[in-house]
């Protein structure tokens, strides 16, 4: 793996982890459980968990559905510092 690819992978992973942390913070500030959010957007509870833990890179359409369910502008999920 080239140095560029290694750095890119590290940045991507950092971004996904920070996105998940931010999602969790927003969800908790709204007082909504992972189970309730998952039910509302029609996904498995484990998918919300994996997103919040930074284990998966979710689709933009899922982010859109989450934003609607939490009643926040979609850009709110992307306000964080990355490495």
PDB file of N, CA and C in Angstrom:
ATOM      1  N   UNK A   1       0.853  -1.169   0.000  1.00  0.00           N
ATOM      2  CA  UNK A   1       0.000   0.000   0.000  1.00  0.00           C
ATOM      3  C   UNK A   1       0.902   1.236   0.000  1.00  0.00           C
ATOM      4  N   UNK A   2       0.620   2.197  -0.882  1.00  0.00           N
ATOM      5  CA  UNK A   2       1.414   3.421  -0.936  1.00  0.00           C
ATOM      6  C   UNK A   2       1.128   4.277   0.286  1.00  0.00           C
ATOM      7  N   UNK A   3       2.039   5.213   0.550  1.00  0.00           N
ATOM      8  CA  UNK A   3       1.838   6.127   1.679  1.00  0.00           C
ATOM      9  C   UNK A   3       0.553   6.921   1.515  1.00  0.00           C
ATOM     10  N   UNK A   4       0.250   7.334   0.278  1.00  0.00           N
ATOM     11  CA  UNK A   4      -0.973   8.093   0.026  1.00  0.00           C
ATOM     12  C   UNK A   4      -2.200   7.262   0.380  1.00  0.00           C
ATOM     13  N   UNK A   5      -2.220   6.012  -0.045  1.00  0.00           N
ATOM     14  CA  UNK A   5      -3.356   5.137   0.231  1.00  0.00           C
ATOM     15  C   UNK A   5      -3.510   4.909   1.733  1.00  0.00           C
ATOM     16  N   UNK A   6      -2.376   4.763   2.412  1.00  0.00           N
ATOM     17  CA  UNK A   6      -2.418   4.559   3.868  1.00  0.00           C
ATOM     18  C   UNK A   6      -2.982   5.785   4.571  1.00  0.00           C
ATOM     19  N   UNK A   7      -2.512   6.971   4.190  1.00  0.00           N
ATOM     20  CA  UNK A   7      -3.004   8.213   4.786  1.00  0.00           C
ATOM     21  C   UNK A   7      -4.480   8.389   4.479  1.00  0.00           C
ATOM     22  N   UNK A   8      -4.877   8.128   3.239  1.00  0.00           N
ATOM     23  CA  UNK A   8      -6.281   8.255   2.838  1.00  0.00           C
ATOM     24  C   UNK A   8      -7.172   7.339   3.665  1.00  0.00           C
ATOM     25  N   UNK A   9      -6.734   6.085   3.847  1.00  0.00           N
ATOM     26  CA  UNK A   9      -7.514   5.127   4.638  1.00  0.00           C
ATOM     27  C   UNK A   9      -7.652   5.605   6.077  1.00  0.00           C
ATOM     28  N   UNK A  10      -6.589   6.143   6.657  1.00  0.00           N
ATOM     29  CA  UNK A  10      -6.625   6.649   8.031  1.00  0.00           C
ATOM     30  C   UNK A  10      -7.577   7.827   8.150  1.00  0.00           C
ATOM     31  N   UNK A  11      -7.562   8.726   7.173  1.00  0.00           N
ATOM     32  CA  UNK A  11      -8.466   9.880   7.189  1.00  0.00           C
ATOM     33  C   UNK A  11      -9.898   9.412   7.034  1.00  0.00           C
ATOM     34  N   UNK A  12     -10.149   8.494   6.109  1.00  0.00           N
ATOM     35  CA  UNK A  12     -11.497   7.963   5.915  1.00  0.00           C
ATOM     36  C   UNK A  12     -12.024   7.325   7.201  1.00  0.00           C
ATOM     37  N   UNK A  13     -11.202   6.506   7.850  1.00  0.00           N
ATOM     38  CA  UNK A  13     -11.622   5.839   9.082  1.00  0.00           C
ATOM     39  C   UNK A  13     -11.886   6.863  10.177  1.00  0.00           C
ATOM     40  N   UNK A  14     -11.031   7.862  10.282  1.00  0.00           N
ATOM     41  CA  UNK A  14     -11.217   8.912  11.281  1.00  0.00           C
ATOM     42  C   UNK A  14     -12.526   9.664  11.037  1.00  0.00           C
ATOM     43  N   UNK A  15     -12.806   9.966   9.784  1.00  0.00           N
ATOM     44  CA  UNK A  15     -14.029  10.676   9.417  1.00  0.00           C
ATOM     45  C   UNK A  15     -15.263   9.856   9.801  1.00  0.00           C
ATOM     46  N   UNK A  16     -15.243   8.576   9.491  1.00  0.00           N
ATOM     47  CA  UNK A  16     -16.381   7.697   9.783  1.00  0.00           C
ATOM     48  C   UNK A  16     -16.599   7.589  11.294  1.00  0.00           C
ATOM     49  N   UNK A  17     -15.522   7.493  12.052  1.00  0.00           N
ATOM     50  CA  UNK A  17     -15.633   7.416  13.514  1.00  0.00           C
ATOM     51  C   UNK A  17     -16.188   8.715  14.079  1.00  0.00           C
ATOM     52  N   UNK A  18     -15.674   9.846  13.623  1.00  0.00           N
ATOM     53  CA  UNK A  18     -16.143  11.141  14.120  1.00  0.00           C
ATOM     54  C   UNK A  18     -17.593  11.401  13.717  1.00  0.00           C
ATOM     55  N   UNK A  19     -17.962  10.992  12.519  1.00  0.00           N
ATOM     56  CA  UNK A  19     -19.355  11.109  12.092  1.00  0.00           C
ATOM     57  C   UNK A  19     -20.264  10.341  13.056  1.00  0.00           C
ATOM     58  N   UNK A  20     -19.877   9.118  13.375  1.00  0.00           N
ATOM     59  CA  UNK A  20     -20.665   8.286  14.280  1.00  0.00           C
ATOM     60  C   UNK A  20     -20.791   8.898  15.668  1.00  0.00           C
ATOM     61  N   UNK A  21     -19.690   9.433  16.176  1.00  0.00           N
ATOM     62  CA  UNK A  21     -19.722  10.084  17.488  1.00  0.00           C
ATOM     63  C   UNK A  21     -20.669  11.274  17.457  1.00  0.00           C
ATOM     64  N   UNK A  22     -20.624  12.039  16.390  1.00  0.00           N
ATOM     65  CA  UNK A  22     -21.488  13.210  16.267  1.00  0.00           C
ATOM     66  C   UNK A  22     -22.957  12.794  16.162  1.00  0.00           C
ATOM     67  N   UNK A  23     -23.225  11.761  15.404  1.00  0.00           N
ATOM     68  CA  UNK A  23     -24.585  11.243  15.309  1.00  0.00           C
ATOM     69  C   UNK A  23     -25.095  10.846  16.688  1.00  0.00           C
ATOM     70  N   UNK A  24     -24.290  10.132  17.423  1.00  0.00           N
ATOM     71  CA  UNK A  24     -24.689   9.701  18.777  1.00  0.00           C
ATOM     72  C   UNK A  24     -24.996  10.911  19.657  1.00  0.00           C
ATOM     73  N   UNK A  25     -24.117  11.926  19.622  1.00  0.00           N
ATOM     74  CA  UNK A  25     -24.315  13.128  20.427  1.00  0.00           C
ATOM     75  C   UNK A  25     -25.639  13.812  20.072  1.00  0.00           C
ATOM     76  N   UNK A  26     -25.909  13.934  18.788  1.00  0.00           N
ATOM     77  CA  UNK A  26     -27.151  14.577  18.346  1.00  0.00           C
ATOM     78  C   UNK A  26     -28.364  13.745  18.746  1.00  0.00           C
ATOM     79  N   UNK A  27     -28.270  12.431  18.535  1.00  0.00           N
ATOM     80  CA  UNK A  27     -29.392  11.546  18.886  1.00  0.00           C
ATOM     81  C   UNK A  27     -29.702  11.624  20.367  1.00  0.00           C
ATOM     82  N   UNK A  28     -28.666  11.589  21.196  1.00  0.00           N
ATOM     83  CA  UNK A  28     -28.878  11.661  22.637  1.00  0.00           C
ATOM     84  C   UNK A  28     -29.441  13.012  23.054  1.00  0.00           C
ATOM     85  N   UNK A  29     -28.998  14.084  22.399  1.00  0.00           N
ATOM     86  CA  UNK A  29     -29.517  15.415  22.734  1.00  0.00           C
ATOM     87  C   UNK A  29     -31.009  15.527  22.423  1.00  0.00           C
ATOM     88  N   UNK A  30     -31.479  14.698  21.492  1.00  0.00           N
ATOM     89  CA  UNK A  30     -32.903  14.664  21.141  1.00  0.00           C
ATOM     90  C   UNK A  30     -33.684  13.683  22.012  1.00  0.00           C
ATOM     91  N   UNK A  31     -32.967  12.924  22.853  1.00  0.00           N
ATOM     92  CA  UNK A  31     -33.629  11.976  23.740  1.00  0.00           C
ATOM     93  C   UNK A  31     -34.234  10.782  23.020  1.00  0.00           C
ATOM     94  N   UNK A  32     -33.604  10.381  21.914  1.00  0.00           N
ATOM     95  CA  UNK A  32     -34.137   9.265  21.113  1.00  0.00           C
ATOM     96  C   UNK A  32     -33.193   8.072  21.232  1.00  0.00           C
ATOM     97  N   UNK A  33     -33.747   6.910  21.512  1.00  0.00           N
ATOM     98  CA  UNK A  33     -32.937   5.695  21.625  1.00  0.00           C
ATOM     99  C   UNK A  33     -32.532   5.200  20.238  1.00  0.00           C
ATOM    100  N   UNK A  34     -31.500   4.380  20.220  1.00  0.00           N
ATOM    101  CA  UNK A  34     -31.091   3.757  18.953  1.00  0.00           C
ATOM    102  C   UNK A  34     -32.222   2.912  18.393  1.00  0.00           C
ATOM    103  N   UNK A  35     -32.913   2.202  19.273  1.00  0.00           N
ATOM    104  CA  UNK A  35     -34.010   1.348  18.834  1.00  0.00           C
ATOM    105  C   UNK A  35     -35.116   2.178  18.172  1.00  0.00           C
ATOM    106  N   UNK A  36     -35.473   3.292  18.797  1.00  0.00           N
ATOM    107  CA  UNK A  36     -36.525   4.140  18.258  1.00  0.00           C
ATOM    108  C   UNK A  36     -36.106   4.746  16.917  1.00  0.00           C
ATOM    109  N   UNK A  37     -34.871   5.203  16.830  1.00  0.00           N
ATOM    110  CA  UNK A  37     -34.377   5.760  15.571  1.00  0.00           C
ATOM    111  C   UNK A  37     -34.394   4.706  14.472  1.00  0.00           C
ATOM    112  N   UNK A  38     -33.907   3.524  14.792  1.00  0.00           N
ATOM    113  CA  UNK A  38     -33.884   2.437  13.811  1.00  0.00           C
ATOM    114  C   UNK A  38     -35.297   2.116  13.329  1.00  0.00           C
ATOM    115  N   UNK A  39     -36.231   2.035  14.251  1.00  0.00           N
ATOM    116  CA  UNK A  39     -37.625   1.752  13.898  1.00  0.00           C
ATOM    117  C   UNK A  39     -38.185   2.853  12.992  1.00  0.00           C
ATOM    118  N   UNK A  40     -37.899   4.102  13.344  1.00  0.00           N
ATOM    119  CA  UNK A  40     -38.430   5.246  12.600  1.00  0.00           C
ATOM    120  C   UNK A  40     -37.943   5.267  11.154  1.00  0.00           C
ATOM    121  N   UNK A  41     -36.676   4.906  10.944  1.00  0.00           N
ATOM    122  CA  UNK A  41     -36.142   4.959   9.568  1.00  0.00           C
ATOM    123  C   UNK A  41     -36.124   3.590   8.896  1.00  0.00           C
ATOM    124  N   UNK A  42     -36.683   2.596   9.589  1.00  0.00           N
ATOM    125  CA  UNK A  42     -36.841   1.253   9.022  1.00  0.00           C
ATOM    126  C   UNK A  42     -35.518   0.564   8.687  1.00  0.00           C
ATOM    127  N   UNK A  43     -34.615   0.586   9.679  1.00  0.00           N
ATOM    128  CA  UNK A  43     -33.366  -0.179   9.563  1.00  0.00           C
ATOM    129  C   UNK A  43     -33.204  -1.001  10.840  1.00  0.00           C
ATOM    130  N   UNK A  44     -32.290  -1.924  10.822  1.00  0.00           N
ATOM    131  CA  UNK A  44     -32.010  -2.728  12.007  1.00  0.00           C
ATOM    132  C   UNK A  44     -31.315  -1.869  13.068  1.00  0.00           C
ATOM    133  N   UNK A  45     -31.614  -2.154  14.312  1.00  0.00           N
ATOM    134  CA  UNK A  45     -30.955  -1.479  15.435  1.00  0.00           C
ATOM    135  C   UNK A  45     -29.434  -1.589  15.306  1.00  0.00           C
ATOM    136  N   UNK A  46     -28.966  -2.747  14.908  1.00  0.00           N
ATOM    137  CA  UNK A  46     -27.522  -2.973  14.812  1.00  0.00           C
ATOM    138  C   UNK A  46     -26.872  -2.049  13.780  1.00  0.00           C
ATOM    139  N   UNK A  47     -27.628  -1.630  12.769  1.00  0.00           N
ATOM    140  CA  UNK A  47     -27.065  -0.713  11.776  1.00  0.00           C
ATOM    141  C   UNK A  47     -26.788   0.649  12.417  1.00  0.00           C
ATOM    142  N   UNK A  48     -27.699   1.135  13.230  1.00  0.00           N
ATOM    143  CA  UNK A  48     -27.483   2.403  13.924  1.00  0.00           C
ATOM    144  C   UNK A  48     -26.279   2.275  14.845  1.00  0.00           C
ATOM    145  N   UNK A  49     -26.200   1.180  15.551  1.00  0.00           N
ATOM    146  CA  UNK A  49     -25.069   0.936  16.445  1.00  0.00           C
ATOM    147  C   UNK A  49     -23.745   0.951  15.681  1.00  0.00           C
ATOM    148  N   UNK A  50     -23.691   0.251  14.559  1.00  0.00           N
ATOM    149  CA  UNK A  50     -22.454   0.192  13.769  1.00  0.00           C
ATOM    150  C   UNK A  50     -22.084   1.558  13.198  1.00  0.00           C
ATOM    151  N   UNK A  51     -23.069   2.354  12.814  1.00  0.00           N
ATOM    152  CA  UNK A  51     -22.792   3.707  12.319  1.00  0.00           C
ATOM    153  C   UNK A  51     -22.194   4.538  13.449  1.00  0.00           C
ATOM    154  N   UNK A  52     -22.831   4.516  14.603  1.00  0.00           N
ATOM    155  CA  UNK A  52     -22.362   5.319  15.724  1.00  0.00           C
ATOM    156  C   UNK A  52     -20.987   4.891  16.221  1.00  0.00           C
ATOM    157  N   UNK A  53     -20.665   3.631  16.098  1.00  0.00           N
ATOM    158  CA  UNK A  53     -19.349   3.141  16.516  1.00  0.00           C
ATOM    159  C   UNK A  53     -18.283   3.327  15.434  1.00  0.00           C
ATOM    160  N   UNK A  54     -18.687   3.822  14.274  1.00  0.00           N
ATOM    161  CA  UNK A  54     -17.724   4.026  13.192  1.00  0.00           C
ATOM    162  C   UNK A  54     -17.285   2.735  12.542  1.00  0.00           C
ATOM    163  N   UNK A  55     -18.128   1.712  12.634  1.00  0.00           N
ATOM    164  CA  UNK A  55     -17.797   0.398  12.057  1.00  0.00           C
ATOM    165  C   UNK A  55     -18.183   0.300  10.586  1.00  0.00           C
ATOM    166  N   UNK A  56     -19.153   1.118  10.157  1.00  0.00           N
ATOM    167  CA  UNK A  56     -19.569   1.089   8.758  1.00  0.00           C
ATOM    168  C   UNK A  56     -19.650   2.507   8.210  1.00  0.00           C
ATOM    169  N   UNK A  57     -19.471   2.614   6.930  1.00  0.00           N
ATOM    170  CA  UNK A  57     -19.617   3.868   6.204  1.00  0.00           C
ATOM    171  C   UNK A  57     -21.007   3.854   5.585  1.00  0.00           C
ATOM    172  N   UNK A  58     -21.924   4.567   6.200  1.00  0.00           N
ATOM    173  CA  UNK A  58     -23.314   4.504   5.782  1.00  0.00           C
ATOM    174  C   UNK A  58     -23.562   5.311   4.512  1.00  0.00           C
ATOM    175  N   UNK A  59     -24.691   5.076   3.887  1.00  0.00           N
ATOM    176  CA  UNK A  59     -25.036   5.781   2.657  1.00  0.00           C
ATOM    177  C   UNK A  59     -25.596   7.165   2.976  1.00  0.00           C
ATOM    178  N   UNK A  60     -25.487   8.054   2.027  1.00  0.00           N
ATOM    179  CA  UNK A  60     -26.026   9.398   2.194  1.00  0.00           C
ATOM    180  C   UNK A  60     -27.544   9.354   2.315  1.00  0.00           C
ATOM    181  N   UNK A  61     -28.187   8.394   1.689  1.00  0.00           N
ATOM    182  CA  UNK A  61     -29.644   8.297   1.819  1.00  0.00           C
ATOM    183  C   UNK A  61     -30.034   7.907   3.245  1.00  0.00           C
ATOM    184  N   UNK A  62     -29.247   7.090   3.904  1.00  0.00           N
ATOM    185  CA  UNK A  62     -29.512   6.760   5.302  1.00  0.00           C
ATOM    186  C   UNK A  62     -29.291   7.988   6.180  1.00  0.00           C
ATOM    187  N   UNK A  63     -28.232   8.746   5.906  1.00  0.00           N
ATOM    188  CA  UNK A  63     -27.986   9.978   6.654  1.00  0.00           C
ATOM    189  C   UNK A  63     -29.167  10.935   6.485  1.00  0.00           C
ATOM    190  N   UNK A  64     -29.696  11.029   5.284  1.00  0.00           N
ATOM    191  CA  UNK A  64     -30.845  11.886   5.011  1.00  0.00           C
ATOM    192  C   UNK A  64     -32.051  11.454   5.847  1.00  0.00           C
ATOM    193  N   UNK A  65     -32.312  10.152   5.903  1.00  0.00           N
ATOM    194  CA  UNK A  65     -33.434   9.631   6.688  1.00  0.00           C
ATOM    195  C   UNK A  65     -33.230   9.886   8.184  1.00  0.00           C
ATOM    196  N   UNK A  66     -32.002   9.731   8.651  1.00  0.00           N
ATOM    197  CA  UNK A  66     -31.698   9.994  10.056  1.00  0.00           C
ATOM    198  C   UNK A  66     -31.924  11.477  10.374  1.00  0.00           C
ATOM    199  N   UNK A  67     -31.473  12.346   9.497  1.00  0.00           N
ATOM    200  CA  UNK A  67     -31.660  13.788   9.702  1.00  0.00           C
ATOM    201  C   UNK A  67     -33.142  14.134   9.804  1.00  0.00           C
ATOM    202  N   UNK A  68     -33.947  13.556   8.921  1.00  0.00           N
ATOM    203  CA  UNK A  68     -35.393  13.801   8.990  1.00  0.00           C
ATOM    204  C   UNK A  68     -35.971  13.288  10.304  1.00  0.00           C
ATOM    205  N   UNK A  69     -35.571  12.095  10.704  1.00  0.00           N
ATOM    206  CA  UNK A  69     -36.107  11.491  11.918  1.00  0.00           C
ATOM    207  C   UNK A  69     -35.718  12.286  13.165  1.00  0.00           C
ATOM    208  N   UNK A  70     -34.509  12.841  13.168  1.00  0.00           N
ATOM    209  CA  UNK A  70     -34.048  13.610  14.323  1.00  0.00           C
ATOM    210  C   UNK A  70     -34.398  15.089  14.210  1.00  0.00           C
ATOM    211  N   UNK A  71     -34.973  15.466  13.076  1.00  0.00           N
ATOM    212  CA  UNK A  71     -35.378  16.846  12.833  1.00  0.00           C
ATOM    213  C   UNK A  71     -34.211  17.817  12.974  1.00  0.00           C
ATOM    214  N   UNK A  72     -33.119  17.489  12.262  1.00  0.00           N
ATOM    215  CA  UNK A  72     -31.944  18.365  12.227  1.00  0.00           C
ATOM    216  C   UNK A  72     -31.506  18.535  10.780  1.00  0.00           C
ATOM    217  N   UNK A  73     -30.902  19.672  10.463  1.00  0.00           N
ATOM    218  CA  UNK A  73     -30.351  19.834   9.114  1.00  0.00           C
ATOM    219  C   UNK A  73     -29.239  18.807   8.893  1.00  0.00           C
ATOM    220  N   UNK A  74     -29.160  18.271   7.715  1.00  0.00           N
ATOM    221  CA  UNK A  74     -28.201  17.191   7.436  1.00  0.00           C
ATOM    222  C   UNK A  74     -26.758  17.621   7.696  1.00  0.00           C
ATOM    223  N   UNK A  75     -26.458  18.894   7.475  1.00  0.00           N
ATOM    224  CA  UNK A  75     -25.076  19.339   7.664  1.00  0.00           C
ATOM    225  C   UNK A  75     -24.618  19.254   9.120  1.00  0.00           C
ATOM    226  N   UNK A  76     -25.557  19.205  10.061  1.00  0.00           N
ATOM    227  CA  UNK A  76     -25.208  19.105  11.480  1.00  0.00           C
ATOM    228  C   UNK A  76     -24.357  17.867  11.781  1.00  0.00           C
ATOM    229  N   UNK A  77     -24.568  16.812  11.031  1.00  0.00           N
ATOM    230  CA  UNK A  77     -23.820  15.574  11.263  1.00  0.00           C
ATOM    231  C   UNK A  77     -22.359  15.692  10.859  1.00  0.00           C
ATOM    232  N   UNK A  78     -22.034  16.707  10.074  1.00  0.00           N
ATOM    233  CA  UNK A  78     -20.695  16.844   9.531  1.00  0.00           C
ATOM    234  C   UNK A  78     -19.893  17.965  10.195  1.00  0.00           C
ATOM    235  N   UNK A  79     -20.388  18.476  11.304  1.00  0.00           N
ATOM    236  CA  UNK A  79     -19.681  19.541  12.017  1.00  0.00           C
ATOM    237  C   UNK A  79     -18.822  18.896  13.109  1.00  0.00           C
ATOM    238  N   UNK A  80     -17.585  18.605  12.737  1.00  0.00           N
ATOM    239  CA  UNK A  80     -16.619  18.032  13.663  1.00  0.00           C
ATOM    240  C   UNK A  80     -15.235  18.168  13.055  1.00  0.00           C
ATOM    241  N   UNK A  81     -14.223  18.044  13.875  1.00  0.00           N
ATOM    242  CA  UNK A  81     -12.833  18.105  13.407  1.00  0.00           C
ATOM    243  C   UNK A  81     -12.355  16.714  13.059  1.00  0.00           C
ATOM    244  N   UNK A  82     -11.643  16.608  11.955  1.00  0.00           N
ATOM    245  CA  UNK A  82     -11.027  15.327  11.597  1.00  0.00           C
ATOM    246  C   UNK A  82      -9.527  15.489  11.633  1.00  0.00           C
ATOM    247  N   UNK A  83      -8.844  14.377  11.716  1.00  0.00           N
ATOM    248  CA  UNK A  83      -7.391  14.362  11.753  1.00  0.00           C
ATOM    249  C   UNK A  83      -6.844  14.687  10.390  1.00  0.00           C
TER     250      UNK A  83
END
